[in-house]
Amino acid sequence: MNSFYICNGREVHNLEELLEVLQVIDDGTFYHHVNDEKNDFSNWILGEVKDKVLARQVSKTKDKEKIILLLDKRVNNDAKRKQFVIAQIKEAIENE
């Protein structure tokens, strides 16, 4: 997966890092990437992360807080799923 480069020089490698960056970047930096003409975050999510649903959701808003909420929901749901699967694997190994 190719990284996303924020115009302030920060590099993003995954959705978790994108979420972290969006929580701290200033509005000018955000609006450089999301405005009436483009939504770089949505394009990167679609092209690199390959998450069509999230990309579509992100493309429908130009509000930084809404995008943060969408990413937070996606990242935390994935983390919970991973924890559940890991717990199931550990339990299966212990019960062998």
PDB file of N, CA and C in Angstrom:
ATOM      1  N   MET A   1       0.847  -1.178   0.000  1.00  0.00           N
ATOM      2  CA  MET A   1       0.000   0.000   0.000  1.00  0.00           C
ATOM      3  C   MET A   1       0.894   1.243   0.000  1.00  0.00           C
ATOM      4  N   ASN A   2       0.573   2.182  -0.851  1.00  0.00           N
ATOM      5  CA  ASN A   2       1.312   3.435  -0.901  1.00  0.00           C
ATOM      6  C   ASN A   2       0.886   4.346   0.239  1.00  0.00           C
ATOM      7  N   SER A   3       1.842   5.078   0.755  1.00  0.00           N
ATOM      8  CA  SER A   3       1.572   6.023   1.829  1.00  0.00           C
ATOM      9  C   SER A   3       0.803   7.231   1.303  1.00  0.00           C
ATOM     10  N   PHE A   4       0.165   7.933   2.235  1.00  0.00           N
ATOM     11  CA  PHE A   4      -0.480   9.205   1.922  1.00  0.00           C
ATOM     12  C   PHE A   4       0.394  10.289   2.528  1.00  0.00           C
ATOM     13  N   TYR A   5       0.707  11.299   1.751  1.00  0.00           N
ATOM     14  CA  TYR A   5       1.558  12.383   2.231  1.00  0.00           C
ATOM     15  C   TYR A   5       0.714  13.624   2.480  1.00  0.00           C
ATOM     16  N   ILE A   6       0.656  14.017   3.734  1.00  0.00           N
ATOM     17  CA  ILE A   6      -0.052  15.239   4.125  1.00  0.00           C
ATOM     18  C   ILE A   6       0.790  16.425   3.656  1.00  0.00           C
ATOM     19  N   CYS A   7       0.158  17.501   3.242  1.00  0.00           N
ATOM     20  CA  CYS A   7       0.887  18.643   2.697  1.00  0.00           C
ATOM     21  C   CYS A   7       1.837  19.287   3.714  1.00  0.00           C
ATOM     22  N   ASN A   8       1.692  18.945   4.997  1.00  0.00           N
ATOM     23  CA  ASN A   8       2.602  19.484   6.012  1.00  0.00           C
ATOM     24  C   ASN A   8       3.831  18.598   6.211  1.00  0.00           C
ATOM     25  N   GLY A   9       3.963  17.549   5.383  1.00  0.00           N
ATOM     26  CA  GLY A   9       5.131  16.683   5.446  1.00  0.00           C
ATOM     27  C   GLY A   9       4.926  15.367   6.159  1.00  0.00           C
ATOM     28  N   ARG A  10       3.814  15.212   6.862  1.00  0.00           N
ATOM     29  CA  ARG A  10       3.545  13.954   7.567  1.00  0.00           C
ATOM     30  C   ARG A  10       3.191  12.860   6.566  1.00  0.00           C
ATOM     31  N   GLU A  11       3.584  11.642   6.907  1.00  0.00           N
ATOM     32  CA  GLU A  11       3.304  10.482   6.069  1.00  0.00           C
ATOM     33  C   GLU A  11       2.363   9.549   6.819  1.00  0.00           C
ATOM     34  N   VAL A  12       1.347   9.061   6.124  1.00  0.00           N
ATOM     35  CA  VAL A  12       0.339   8.182   6.703  1.00  0.00           C
ATOM     36  C   VAL A  12       0.420   6.831   6.002  1.00  0.00           C
ATOM     37  N   HIS A  13       0.456   5.746   6.795  1.00  0.00           N
ATOM     38  CA  HIS A  13       0.589   4.408   6.230  1.00  0.00           C
ATOM     39  C   HIS A  13      -0.680   3.574   6.311  1.00  0.00           C
ATOM     40  N   ASN A  14      -1.622   3.952   7.182  1.00  0.00           N
ATOM     41  CA  ASN A  14      -2.836   3.156   7.378  1.00  0.00           C
ATOM     42  C   ASN A  14      -3.938   4.037   7.963  1.00  0.00           C
ATOM     43  N   LEU A  15      -5.115   3.455   8.135  1.00  0.00           N
ATOM     44  CA  LEU A  15      -6.252   4.226   8.649  1.00  0.00           C
ATOM     45  C   LEU A  15      -6.027   4.725  10.066  1.00  0.00           C
ATOM     46  N   GLU A  16      -5.344   3.945  10.889  1.00  0.00           N
ATOM     47  CA  GLU A  16      -5.077   4.363  12.258  1.00  0.00           C
ATOM     48  C   GLU A  16      -4.235   5.639  12.276  1.00  0.00           C
ATOM     49  N   GLU A  17      -3.220   5.673  11.433  1.00  0.00           N
ATOM     50  CA  GLU A  17      -2.371   6.868  11.358  1.00  0.00           C
ATOM     51  C   GLU A  17      -3.128   8.049  10.765  1.00  0.00           C
ATOM     52  N   LEU A  18      -3.983   7.797   9.782  1.00  0.00           N
ATOM     53  CA  LEU A  18      -4.788   8.879   9.221  1.00  0.00           C
ATOM     54  C   LEU A  18      -5.684   9.476  10.294  1.00  0.00           C
ATOM     55  N   LEU A  19      -6.295   8.627  11.095  1.00  0.00           N
ATOM     56  CA  LEU A  19      -7.138   9.103  12.194  1.00  0.00           C
ATOM     57  C   LEU A  19      -6.332   9.970  13.152  1.00  0.00           C
ATOM     58  N   GLU A  20      -5.151   9.515  13.535  1.00  0.00           N
ATOM     59  CA  GLU A  20      -4.297  10.285  14.451  1.00  0.00           C
ATOM     60  C   GLU A  20      -3.940  11.647  13.868  1.00  0.00           C
ATOM     61  N   VAL A  21      -3.578  11.669  12.587  1.00  0.00           N
ATOM     62  CA  VAL A  21      -3.186  12.926  11.942  1.00  0.00           C
ATOM     63  C   VAL A  21      -4.368  13.887  11.850  1.00  0.00           C
ATOM     64  N   LEU A  22      -5.533  13.373  11.481  1.00  0.00           N
ATOM     65  CA  LEU A  22      -6.702  14.243  11.356  1.00  0.00           C
ATOM     66  C   LEU A  22      -7.080  14.890  12.683  1.00  0.00           C
ATOM     67  N   GLN A  23      -6.780  14.231  13.770  1.00  0.00           N
ATOM     68  CA  GLN A  23      -7.116  14.775  15.079  1.00  0.00           C
ATOM     69  C   GLN A  23      -6.218  15.944  15.480  1.00  0.00           C
ATOM     70  N   VAL A  24      -5.079  16.113  14.796  1.00  0.00           N
ATOM     71  CA  VAL A  24      -4.147  17.173  15.207  1.00  0.00           C
ATOM     72  C   VAL A  24      -3.821  18.204  14.129  1.00  0.00           C
ATOM     73  N   ILE A  25      -4.163  17.922  12.865  1.00  0.00           N
ATOM     74  CA  ILE A  25      -3.803  18.898  11.831  1.00  0.00           C
ATOM     75  C   ILE A  25      -4.698  20.129  11.917  1.00  0.00           C
ATOM     76  N   ASP A  26      -4.159  21.237  11.448  1.00  0.00           N
ATOM     77  CA  ASP A  26      -4.936  22.481  11.462  1.00  0.00           C
ATOM     78  C   ASP A  26      -5.924  22.481  10.292  1.00  0.00           C
ATOM     79  N   ASP A  27      -6.873  23.382  10.375  1.00  0.00           N
ATOM     80  CA  ASP A  27      -7.934  23.439   9.364  1.00  0.00           C
ATOM     81  C   ASP A  27      -7.399  23.744   7.971  1.00  0.00           C
ATOM     82  N   GLY A  28      -6.378  24.586   7.879  1.00  0.00           N
ATOM     83  CA  GLY A  28      -5.808  24.909   6.576  1.00  0.00           C
ATOM     84  C   GLY A  28      -5.231  23.684   5.881  1.00  0.00           C
ATOM     85  N   THR A  29      -4.539  22.861   6.659  1.00  0.00           N
ATOM     86  CA  THR A  29      -3.981  21.630   6.109  1.00  0.00           C
ATOM     87  C   THR A  29      -5.109  20.688   5.684  1.00  0.00           C
ATOM     88  N   PHE A  30      -6.127  20.577   6.527  1.00  0.00           N
ATOM     89  CA  PHE A  30      -7.265  19.725   6.184  1.00  0.00           C
ATOM     90  C   PHE A  30      -7.915  20.200   4.886  1.00  0.00           C
ATOM     91  N   TYR A  31      -8.182  21.496   4.782  1.00  0.00           N
ATOM     92  CA  TYR A  31      -8.876  22.021   3.606  1.00  0.00           C
ATOM     93  C   TYR A  31      -8.013  21.996   2.349  1.00  0.00           C
ATOM     94  N   HIS A  32      -6.712  21.859   2.505  1.00  0.00           N
ATOM     95  CA  HIS A  32      -5.860  21.645   1.334  1.00  0.00           C
ATOM     96  C   HIS A  32      -6.208  20.300   0.683  1.00  0.00           C
ATOM     97  N   HIS A  33      -6.551  19.316   1.506  1.00  0.00           N
ATOM     98  CA  HIS A  33      -6.842  17.966   1.021  1.00  0.00           C
ATOM     99  C   HIS A  33      -8.325  17.701   0.787  1.00  0.00           C
ATOM    100  N   VAL A  34      -9.184  18.457   1.454  1.00  0.00           N
ATOM    101  CA  VAL A  34     -10.642  18.261   1.317  1.00  0.00           C
ATOM    102  C   VAL A  34     -11.275  19.623   1.069  1.00  0.00           C
ATOM    103  N   ASN A  35     -11.816  19.793  -0.130  1.00  0.00           N
ATOM    104  CA  ASN A  35     -12.463  21.056  -0.474  1.00  0.00           C
ATOM    105  C   ASN A  35     -13.506  20.792  -1.557  1.00  0.00           C
ATOM    106  N   ASP A  36     -14.024  21.830  -2.154  1.00  0.00           N
ATOM    107  CA  ASP A  36     -15.068  21.672  -3.172  1.00  0.00           C
ATOM    108  C   ASP A  36     -14.587  20.923  -4.411  1.00  0.00           C
ATOM    109  N   GLU A  37     -13.293  20.917  -4.643  1.00  0.00           N
ATOM    110  CA  GLU A  37     -12.749  20.306  -5.856  1.00  0.00           C
ATOM    111  C   GLU A  37     -12.254  18.875  -5.655  1.00  0.00           C
ATOM    112  N   LYS A  38     -11.933  18.495  -4.409  1.00  0.00           N
ATOM    113  CA  LYS A  38     -11.342  17.172  -4.211  1.00  0.00           C
ATOM    114  C   LYS A  38     -11.501  16.696  -2.770  1.00  0.00           C
ATOM    115  N   ASN A  39     -11.297  15.399  -2.601  1.00  0.00           N
ATOM    116  CA  ASN A  39     -11.233  14.802  -1.274  1.00  0.00           C
ATOM    117  C   ASN A  39     -10.116  13.758  -1.336  1.00  0.00           C
ATOM    118  N   ASP A  40      -8.911  14.215  -1.047  1.00  0.00           N
ATOM    119  CA  ASP A  40      -7.737  13.344  -1.138  1.00  0.00           C
ATOM    120  C   ASP A  40      -7.833  12.144  -0.205  1.00  0.00           C
ATOM    121  N   PHE A  41      -8.432  12.328   0.949  1.00  0.00           N
ATOM    122  CA  PHE A  41      -8.532  11.232   1.916  1.00  0.00           C
ATOM    123  C   PHE A  41      -9.426  10.116   1.368  1.00  0.00           C
ATOM    124  N   SER A  42     -10.551  10.492   0.812  1.00  0.00           N
ATOM    125  CA  SER A  42     -11.457   9.515   0.215  1.00  0.00           C
ATOM    126  C   SER A  42     -10.776   8.784  -0.936  1.00  0.00           C
ATOM    127  N   ASN A  43     -10.068   9.523  -1.768  1.00  0.00           N
ATOM    128  CA  ASN A  43      -9.371   8.920  -2.901  1.00  0.00           C
ATOM    129  C   ASN A  43      -8.317   7.916  -2.437  1.00  0.00           C
ATOM    130  N   TRP A  44      -7.569   8.254  -1.386  1.00  0.00           N
ATOM    131  CA  TRP A  44      -6.541   7.359  -0.859  1.00  0.00           C
ATOM    132  C   TRP A  44      -7.177   6.117  -0.236  1.00  0.00           C
ATOM    133  N   ILE A  45      -8.245   6.313   0.500  1.00  0.00           N
ATOM    134  CA  ILE A  45      -8.937   5.174   1.124  1.00  0.00           C
ATOM    135  C   ILE A  45      -9.440   4.218   0.043  1.00  0.00           C
ATOM    136  N   LEU A  46      -9.979   4.760  -1.018  1.00  0.00           N
ATOM    137  CA  LEU A  46     -10.482   3.913  -2.107  1.00  0.00           C
ATOM    138  C   LEU A  46      -9.332   3.239  -2.856  1.00  0.00           C
ATOM    139  N   GLY A  47      -8.346   4.013  -3.240  1.00  0.00           N
ATOM    140  CA  GLY A  47      -7.274   3.498  -4.083  1.00  0.00           C
ATOM    141  C   GLY A  47      -6.262   2.623  -3.372  1.00  0.00           C
ATOM    142  N   GLU A  48      -5.965   2.930  -2.122  1.00  0.00           N
ATOM    143  CA  GLU A  48      -4.905   2.212  -1.412  1.00  0.00           C
ATOM    144  C   GLU A  48      -5.420   1.263  -0.336  1.00  0.00           C
ATOM    145  N   VAL A  49      -6.386   1.717   0.438  1.00  0.00           N
ATOM    146  CA  VAL A  49      -6.928   0.870   1.508  1.00  0.00           C
ATOM    147  C   VAL A  49      -7.930  -0.134   0.926  1.00  0.00           C
ATOM    148  N   LYS A  50      -8.513   0.235  -0.206  1.00  0.00           N
ATOM    149  CA  LYS A  50      -9.479  -0.618  -0.915  1.00  0.00           C
ATOM    150  C   LYS A  50     -10.772  -0.807  -0.128  1.00  0.00           C
ATOM    151  N   ASP A  51     -11.166   0.228   0.601  1.00  0.00           N
ATOM    152  CA  ASP A  51     -12.409   0.185   1.378  1.00  0.00           C
ATOM    153  C   ASP A  51     -13.416   1.105   0.683  1.00  0.00           C
ATOM    154  N   LYS A  52     -14.214   0.522  -0.202  1.00  0.00           N
ATOM    155  CA  LYS A  52     -15.164   1.307  -0.996  1.00  0.00           C
ATOM    156  C   LYS A  52     -16.223   1.978  -0.136  1.00  0.00           C
ATOM    157  N   VAL A  53     -16.698   1.272   0.887  1.00  0.00           N
ATOM    158  CA  VAL A  53     -17.765   1.815   1.738  1.00  0.00           C
ATOM    159  C   VAL A  53     -17.260   3.035   2.502  1.00  0.00           C
ATOM    160  N   LEU A  54     -16.119   2.899   3.160  1.00  0.00           N
ATOM    161  CA  LEU A  54     -15.569   4.023   3.917  1.00  0.00           C
ATOM    162  C   LEU A  54     -15.219   5.181   2.984  1.00  0.00           C
ATOM    163  N   ALA A  55     -14.639   4.881   1.840  1.00  0.00           N
ATOM    164  CA  ALA A  55     -14.288   5.938   0.885  1.00  0.00           C
ATOM    165  C   ALA A  55     -15.524   6.718   0.453  1.00  0.00           C
ATOM    166  N   ARG A  56     -16.613   6.009   0.202  1.00  0.00           N
ATOM    167  CA  ARG A  56     -17.858   6.666  -0.199  1.00  0.00           C
ATOM    168  C   ARG A  56     -18.370   7.562   0.931  1.00  0.00           C
ATOM    169  N   GLN A  57     -18.332   7.048   2.162  1.00  0.00           N
ATOM    170  CA  GLN A  57     -18.798   7.832   3.305  1.00  0.00           C
ATOM    171  C   GLN A  57     -17.956   9.093   3.474  1.00  0.00           C
ATOM    172  N   VAL A  58     -16.647   8.950   3.385  1.00  0.00           N
ATOM    173  CA  VAL A  58     -15.745  10.088   3.549  1.00  0.00           C
ATOM    174  C   VAL A  58     -15.933  11.091   2.413  1.00  0.00           C
ATOM    175  N   SER A  59     -16.195  10.607   1.219  1.00  0.00           N
ATOM    176  CA  SER A  59     -16.346  11.511   0.071  1.00  0.00           C
ATOM    177  C   SER A  59     -17.582  12.396   0.183  1.00  0.00           C
ATOM    178  N   LYS A  60     -18.541  11.993   1.002  1.00  0.00           N
ATOM    179  CA  LYS A  60     -19.797  12.739   1.116  1.00  0.00           C
ATOM    180  C   LYS A  60     -19.727  13.917   2.087  1.00  0.00           C
ATOM    181  N   THR A  61     -18.586  14.109   2.749  1.00  0.00           N
ATOM    182  CA  THR A  61     -18.494  15.208   3.702  1.00  0.00           C
ATOM    183  C   THR A  61     -17.188  15.973   3.530  1.00  0.00           C
ATOM    184  N   LYS A  62     -17.246  17.237   3.881  1.00  0.00           N
ATOM    185  CA  LYS A  62     -16.054  18.082   3.901  1.00  0.00           C
ATOM    186  C   LYS A  62     -15.776  18.537   5.332  1.00  0.00           C
ATOM    187  N   ASP A  63     -16.418  17.882   6.288  1.00  0.00           N
ATOM    188  CA  ASP A  63     -16.294  18.233   7.699  1.00  0.00           C
ATOM    189  C   ASP A  63     -15.263  17.330   8.376  1.00  0.00           C
ATOM    190  N   LYS A  64     -14.226  17.944   8.914  1.00  0.00           N
ATOM    191  CA  LYS A  64     -13.137  17.180   9.530  1.00  0.00           C
ATOM    192  C   LYS A  64     -13.631  16.299  10.668  1.00  0.00           C
ATOM    193  N   GLU A  65     -14.487  16.817  11.513  1.00  0.00           N
ATOM    194  CA  GLU A  65     -14.983  16.043  12.658  1.00  0.00           C
ATOM    195  C   GLU A  65     -15.801  14.831  12.213  1.00  0.00           C
ATOM    196  N   LYS A  66     -16.571  14.986  11.169  1.00  0.00           N
ATOM    197  CA  LYS A  66     -17.358  13.851  10.662  1.00  0.00           C
ATOM    198  C   LYS A  66     -16.441  12.769  10.092  1.00  0.00           C
ATOM    199  N   ILE A  67     -15.397  13.192   9.387  1.00  0.00           N
ATOM    200  CA  ILE A  67     -14.444  12.219   8.853  1.00  0.00           C
ATOM    201  C   ILE A  67     -13.717  11.511   9.993  1.00  0.00           C
ATOM    202  N   ILE A  68     -13.364  12.249  11.032  1.00  0.00           N
ATOM    203  CA  ILE A  68     -12.727  11.638  12.204  1.00  0.00           C
ATOM    204  C   ILE A  68     -13.651  10.595  12.817  1.00  0.00           C
ATOM    205  N   LEU A  69     -14.930  10.912  12.947  1.00  0.00           N
ATOM    206  CA  LEU A  69     -15.891   9.955  13.511  1.00  0.00           C
ATOM    207  C   LEU A  69     -16.014   8.701  12.642  1.00  0.00           C
ATOM    208  N   LEU A  70     -16.057   8.883  11.330  1.00  0.00           N
ATOM    209  CA  LEU A  70     -16.147   7.739  10.420  1.00  0.00           C
ATOM    210  C   LEU A  70     -14.912   6.842  10.545  1.00  0.00           C
ATOM    211  N   LEU A  71     -13.742   7.465  10.581  1.00  0.00           N
ATOM    212  CA  LEU A  71     -12.504   6.692  10.716  1.00  0.00           C
ATOM    213  C   LEU A  71     -12.416   6.001  12.067  1.00  0.00           C
ATOM    214  N   ASP A  72     -12.807   6.727  13.114  1.00  0.00           N
ATOM    215  CA  ASP A  72     -12.768   6.158  14.463  1.00  0.00           C
ATOM    216  C   ASP A  72     -13.660   4.922  14.556  1.00  0.00           C
ATOM    217  N   LYS A  73     -14.837   5.023  13.990  1.00  0.00           N
ATOM    218  CA  LYS A  73     -15.760   3.889  14.008  1.00  0.00           C
ATOM    219  C   LYS A  73     -15.153   2.701  13.261  1.00  0.00           C
ATOM    220  N   ARG A  74     -14.580   2.966  12.103  1.00  0.00           N
ATOM    221  CA  ARG A  74     -13.987   1.891  11.283  1.00  0.00           C
ATOM    222  C   ARG A  74     -12.777   1.279  11.975  1.00  0.00           C
ATOM    223  N   VAL A  75     -11.888   2.097  12.488  1.00  0.00           N
ATOM    224  CA  VAL A  75     -10.656   1.616  13.133  1.00  0.00           C
ATOM    225  C   VAL A  75     -10.989   0.826  14.389  1.00  0.00           C
ATOM    226  N   ASN A  76     -11.883   1.338  15.202  1.00  0.00           N
ATOM    227  CA  ASN A  76     -12.201   0.654  16.452  1.00  0.00           C
ATOM    228  C   ASN A  76     -12.990  -0.633  16.216  1.00  0.00           C
ATOM    229  N   ASN A  77     -13.857  -0.662  15.222  1.00  0.00           N
ATOM    230  CA  ASN A  77     -14.561  -1.906  14.897  1.00  0.00           C
ATOM    231  C   ASN A  77     -13.581  -2.969  14.431  1.00  0.00           C
ATOM    232  N   ASP A  78     -12.602  -2.573  13.611  1.00  0.00           N
ATOM    233  CA  ASP A  78     -11.583  -3.521  13.160  1.00  0.00           C
ATOM    234  C   ASP A  78     -10.768  -4.044  14.338  1.00  0.00           C
ATOM    235  N   ALA A  79     -10.403  -3.164  15.247  1.00  0.00           N
ATOM    236  CA  ALA A  79      -9.607  -3.571  16.407  1.00  0.00           C
ATOM    237  C   ALA A  79     -10.386  -4.558  17.273  1.00  0.00           C
ATOM    238  N   LYS A  80     -11.656  -4.292  17.462  1.00  0.00           N
ATOM    239  CA  LYS A  80     -12.484  -5.200  18.265  1.00  0.00           C
ATOM    240  C   LYS A  80     -12.600  -6.565  17.597  1.00  0.00           C
ATOM    241  N   ARG A  81     -12.773  -6.565  16.273  1.00  0.00           N
ATOM    242  CA  ARG A  81     -12.853  -7.835  15.536  1.00  0.00           C
ATOM    243  C   ARG A  81     -11.558  -8.619  15.671  1.00  0.00           C
ATOM    244  N   LYS A  82     -10.431  -7.945  15.543  1.00  0.00           N
ATOM    245  CA  LYS A  82      -9.131  -8.604  15.664  1.00  0.00           C
ATOM    246  C   LYS A  82      -8.948  -9.189  17.061  1.00  0.00           C
ATOM    247  N   GLN A  83      -9.324  -8.435  18.079  1.00  0.00           N
ATOM    248  CA  GLN A  83      -9.204  -8.924  19.453  1.00  0.00           C
ATOM    249  C   GLN A  83     -10.069 -10.158  19.656  1.00  0.00           C
ATOM    250  N   PHE A  84     -11.258 -10.166  19.094  1.00  0.00           N
ATOM    251  CA  PHE A  84     -12.166 -11.300  19.218  1.00  0.00           C
ATOM    252  C   PHE A  84     -11.568 -12.537  18.551  1.00  0.00           C
ATOM    253  N   VAL A  85     -11.044 -12.368  17.338  1.00  0.00           N
ATOM    254  CA  VAL A  85     -10.449 -13.488  16.613  1.00  0.00           C
ATOM    255  C   VAL A  85      -9.228 -14.019  17.355  1.00  0.00           C
ATOM    256  N   ILE A  86      -8.398 -13.141  17.855  1.00  0.00           N
ATOM    257  CA  ILE A  86      -7.212 -13.559  18.613  1.00  0.00           C
ATOM    258  C   ILE A  86      -7.624 -14.333  19.857  1.00  0.00           C
ATOM    259  N   ALA A  87      -8.641 -13.858  20.555  1.00  0.00           N
ATOM    260  CA  ALA A  87      -9.123 -14.552  21.756  1.00  0.00           C
ATOM    261  C   ALA A  87      -9.641 -15.939  21.396  1.00  0.00           C
ATOM    262  N   GLN A  88     -10.339 -16.060  20.274  1.00  0.00           N
ATOM    263  CA  GLN A  88     -10.842 -17.364  19.849  1.00  0.00           C
ATOM    264  C   GLN A  88      -9.692 -18.318  19.512  1.00  0.00           C
ATOM    265  N   ILE A  89      -8.680 -17.820  18.850  1.00  0.00           N
ATOM    266  CA  ILE A  89      -7.523 -18.652  18.499  1.00  0.00           C
ATOM    267  C   ILE A  89      -6.795 -19.111  19.756  1.00  0.00           C
ATOM    268  N   LYS A  90      -6.587 -18.193  20.690  1.00  0.00           N
ATOM    269  CA  LYS A  90      -5.918 -18.544  21.948  1.00  0.00           C
ATOM    270  C   LYS A  90      -6.719 -19.623  22.696  1.00  0.00           C
ATOM    271  N   GLU A  91      -8.009 -19.445  22.738  1.00  0.00           N
ATOM    272  CA  GLU A  91      -8.850 -20.419  23.432  1.00  0.00           C
ATOM    273  C   GLU A  91      -8.771 -21.780  22.748  1.00  0.00           C
ATOM    274  N   ALA A  92      -8.790 -21.800  21.443  1.00  0.00           N
ATOM    275  CA  ALA A  92      -8.696 -23.076  20.710  1.00  0.00           C
ATOM    276  C   ALA A  92      -7.359 -23.757  20.973  1.00  0.00           C
ATOM    277  N   ILE A  93      -6.290 -22.972  21.020  1.00  0.00           N
ATOM    278  CA  ILE A  93      -4.969 -23.550  21.297  1.00  0.00           C
ATOM    279  C   ILE A  93      -4.900 -24.089  22.703  1.00  0.00           C
ATOM    280  N   GLU A  94      -5.444 -23.371  23.658  1.00  0.00           N
ATOM    281  CA  GLU A  94      -5.423 -23.809  25.043  1.00  0.00           C
ATOM    282  C   GLU A  94      -6.246 -25.067  25.258  1.00  0.00           C
ATOM    283  N   ASN A  95      -7.292 -25.250  24.473  1.00  0.00           N
ATOM    284  CA  ASN A  95      -8.191 -26.401  24.635  1.00  0.00           C
ATOM    285  C   ASN A  95      -7.731 -27.633  23.849  1.00  0.00           C
ATOM    286  N   GLU A  96      -6.609 -27.552  23.150  1.00  0.00           N
ATOM    287  CA  GLU A  96      -6.118 -28.706  22.392  1.00  0.00           C
ATOM    288  C   GLU A  96      -5.511 -29.736  23.294  1.00  0.00           C
TER     289      GLU A  96
END
